[in-house]
Amino acid sequence: MKKPSFLDRLTGSQNDDYDRILDEEHEFGEDDDLAVEEEEAPEDDDTWSDEDDMGSQQDGELPVDMYQTEDTIVIRALVAGVSPSDLDISITRDMVTIRGVREEFQEVHDDSYFHRELFWGSFSRTLLLPEEVAIDESEAQEKHGLLEIKLPKLDKHRSTQLKVRTNAGHK
């Protein structure tokens, strides 16, 4: 089957092969010239299993806002329901990682819910910073479920004069 040209797709003109495929009476089978062979995974192959998808729960991704002022990079994240002691914030000069756990307090059975949209469990987020920051001067605070991390930018234009010491007089 020939791939439709850009003009065909733009104008909506159809190819006869597409009409044949979309026809209700068309039966797909091995003798079909458009059929794609399915590859079977070997049963003893340990590279993938249903447990990989369902058994081990992955971390949720923490949504964040990140912006900069003249001298600071600010990161904000909603961490409502998470104790500040359950937050782990790792900072390097060019990257920040926020990890935490939101514990679920289940008051009713699962089948009693009409909607379940809140995220419970562990979460993390790693952000590359647009500029290097002063790690030792960084600070984080949580208020009303909003985590705010302030990362002072490194002043690359700052300079200092070093005095040269000598050990010539000491024996």
Protein backbone atom coordinates (compact mmCIF):
# COMPACT_ATOMS: atom_id res chain seq x y z
CA MET A 1 0.00 0.00 0.00
CA LYS A 2 1.32 3.42 -0.91
CA LYS A 3 1.54 6.03 1.83
CA PRO A 4 -0.70 9.02 1.07
CA SER A 5 1.11 12.17 0.03
CA PHE A 6 0.96 15.35 2.03
CA LEU A 7 -1.46 16.80 -0.51
CA ASP A 8 -3.72 13.72 -0.24
CA ARG A 9 -3.82 14.05 3.54
CA LEU A 10 -4.36 17.81 3.36
CA THR A 11 -7.23 17.61 0.88
CA GLY A 12 -8.76 14.48 2.38
CA SER A 13 -8.62 12.44 -0.81
CA GLN A 14 -8.73 8.72 -0.11
CA ASN A 15 -6.87 5.82 -1.54
CA ASP A 16 -8.76 2.68 -2.63
CA ASP A 17 -6.67 0.58 -0.22
CA TYR A 18 -8.02 2.63 2.68
CA ASP A 19 -11.57 2.14 1.46
CA ARG A 20 -10.96 -1.61 1.28
CA ILE A 21 -9.61 -1.70 4.85
CA LEU A 22 -12.45 0.36 6.25
CA ASP A 23 -15.10 -1.69 4.46
CA GLU A 24 -17.18 -3.63 7.01
CA GLU A 25 -17.00 -6.82 4.97
CA HIS A 26 -13.19 -6.87 4.89
CA GLU A 27 -11.69 -9.64 7.02
CA PHE A 28 -8.12 -9.31 8.21
CA GLY A 29 -6.02 -12.43 8.01
CA GLU A 30 -2.62 -13.85 7.25
CA ASP A 31 -3.25 -13.71 3.50
CA ASP A 32 -4.00 -9.97 3.73
CA ASP A 33 -1.27 -7.93 2.02
CA LEU A 34 -1.70 -5.26 4.69
CA ALA A 35 -1.48 -7.59 7.68
CA VAL A 36 1.30 -7.12 10.20
CA GLU A 37 2.86 -10.21 11.73
CA GLU A 38 2.74 -10.36 15.49
CA GLU A 39 5.85 -11.44 17.30
CA GLU A 40 5.37 -13.78 20.20
CA ALA A 41 7.51 -13.23 23.27
CA PRO A 42 9.23 -16.36 24.54
CA GLU A 43 7.52 -17.67 27.65
CA ASP A 44 10.79 -18.05 29.55
CA ASP A 45 11.78 -14.44 28.87
CA ASP A 46 12.14 -12.59 32.18
CA THR A 47 12.48 -9.14 30.66
CA TRP A 48 8.80 -8.27 31.08
CA SER A 49 5.97 -9.46 33.23
CA ASP A 50 2.58 -8.28 34.44
CA GLU A 51 4.16 -7.60 37.83
CA ASP A 52 6.32 -4.90 36.25
CA ASP A 53 3.19 -2.95 35.37
CA MET A 54 1.07 -3.60 38.43
CA GLY A 55 3.10 -5.12 41.26
CA SER A 56 5.63 -2.36 41.81
CA GLN A 57 4.09 1.06 42.12
CA GLN A 58 6.09 3.90 40.63
CA ASP A 59 6.56 7.31 42.19
CA GLY A 60 4.10 9.97 41.15
CA GLU A 61 5.54 13.08 39.55
CA LEU A 62 5.20 16.18 41.69
CA PRO A 63 3.87 19.16 39.68
CA VAL A 64 5.88 22.32 40.26
CA ASP A 65 6.20 25.96 39.27
CA MET A 66 9.73 27.31 38.82
CA TYR A 67 10.62 30.93 38.13
CA GLN A 68 13.48 33.33 38.68
CA THR A 69 13.95 36.78 40.08
CA GLU A 70 17.06 38.86 39.58
CA ASP A 71 19.04 36.96 42.24
CA THR A 72 16.96 33.87 43.13
CA ILE A 73 15.40 30.78 41.55
CA VAL A 74 12.10 29.86 43.22
CA ILE A 75 10.41 26.46 43.09
CA ARG A 76 6.84 25.98 44.35
CA ALA A 77 4.95 22.72 44.77
CA LEU A 78 1.68 21.69 46.38
CA VAL A 79 2.45 19.17 49.11
CA ALA A 80 -0.84 19.28 51.03
CA GLY A 81 -1.23 16.28 53.29
CA VAL A 82 2.54 15.72 53.55
CA SER A 83 4.38 16.37 56.78
CA PRO A 84 7.48 18.57 56.29
CA SER A 85 9.50 15.83 58.01
CA ASP A 86 8.43 13.43 55.21
CA LEU A 87 9.92 15.69 52.51
CA ASP A 88 13.45 15.08 51.25
CA ILE A 89 15.02 17.89 49.22
CA SER A 90 18.44 17.32 47.64
CA ILE A 91 20.24 20.24 46.02
CA THR A 92 23.35 20.41 43.85
CA ARG A 93 24.56 23.54 42.09
CA ASP A 94 22.53 22.72 39.00
CA MET A 95 19.78 20.31 40.10
CA VAL A 96 17.05 19.90 42.74
CA THR A 97 15.28 16.67 43.69
CA ILE A 98 12.14 16.69 45.84
CA ARG A 99 10.85 13.40 47.27
CA GLY A 100 8.05 12.65 49.68
CA VAL A 101 5.20 10.39 50.67
CA ARG A 102 1.54 11.26 51.02
CA GLU A 103 -0.01 8.68 53.35
CA GLU A 104 -3.60 7.66 52.72
CA PHE A 105 -5.98 7.42 55.65
CA GLN A 106 -8.69 5.14 54.33
CA GLU A 107 -12.00 5.67 56.12
CA VAL A 108 -14.18 3.53 53.83
CA HIS A 109 -13.75 0.53 51.54
CA ASP A 110 -12.64 1.00 47.94
CA ASP A 111 -16.05 0.02 46.56
CA SER A 112 -17.73 2.87 48.48
CA TYR A 113 -16.00 5.59 46.45
CA PHE A 114 -17.74 7.48 43.66
CA HIS A 115 -14.53 9.30 42.58
CA ARG A 116 -10.88 8.61 43.40
CA GLU A 117 -8.68 11.33 41.94
CA LEU A 118 -6.29 12.25 44.74
CA PHE A 119 -2.75 10.92 44.56
CA TRP A 120 -1.52 8.85 47.49
CA GLY A 121 1.89 7.29 47.90
CA SER A 122 5.43 8.33 47.11
CA PHE A 123 6.28 11.11 44.69
CA SER A 124 9.42 12.72 43.38
CA ARG A 125 10.59 15.38 40.96
CA THR A 126 14.05 16.26 39.69
CA LEU A 127 14.57 19.65 38.09
CA LEU A 128 17.57 20.93 36.18
CA LEU A 129 18.25 24.49 37.18
CA PRO A 130 18.83 27.18 34.53
CA GLU A 131 21.74 28.62 36.55
CA GLU A 132 24.08 27.47 39.30
CA VAL A 133 22.89 28.20 42.83
CA ALA A 134 24.50 28.73 46.22
CA ILE A 135 23.63 25.47 48.00
CA ASP A 136 24.47 26.63 51.53
CA GLU A 137 22.24 29.71 51.28
CA SER A 138 19.18 27.85 49.96
CA GLU A 139 16.06 27.61 52.09
CA ALA A 140 12.73 25.79 51.99
CA GLN A 141 9.48 26.47 53.81
CA GLU A 142 6.00 24.98 53.79
CA LYS A 143 2.88 26.99 54.53
CA HIS A 144 -0.72 25.81 54.08
CA GLY A 145 0.41 22.91 51.87
CA LEU A 146 2.59 25.03 49.56
CA LEU A 147 6.30 24.20 49.53
CA GLU A 148 8.53 27.06 48.48
CA ILE A 149 12.24 26.57 47.84
CA LYS A 150 14.42 29.66 47.37
CA LEU A 151 17.76 29.08 45.68
CA PRO A 152 20.08 32.11 45.53
CA LYS A 153 21.94 32.32 42.23
CA LEU A 154 25.74 32.25 42.28
CA ASP A 155 27.20 35.66 41.62
CA LYS A 156 29.69 34.85 38.86
CA HIS A 157 30.89 38.47 38.72
CA ARG A 158 31.85 38.57 42.41
CA SER A 159 35.56 38.59 43.06
CA THR A 160 37.76 38.78 46.10
CA GLN A 161 41.42 39.50 46.79
CA LEU A 162 43.48 36.75 48.37
CA LYS A 163 46.44 37.54 50.57
CA VAL A 164 49.43 35.34 49.99
CA ARG A 165 50.82 33.84 53.20
CA THR A 166 54.36 32.73 53.53
CA ASN A 167 55.90 30.07 55.74
CA ALA A 168 59.48 31.38 55.28
CA GLY A 169 59.78 32.70 58.85
CA HIS A 170 58.64 29.48 60.55
CA LYS A 171 60.82 26.43 61.20
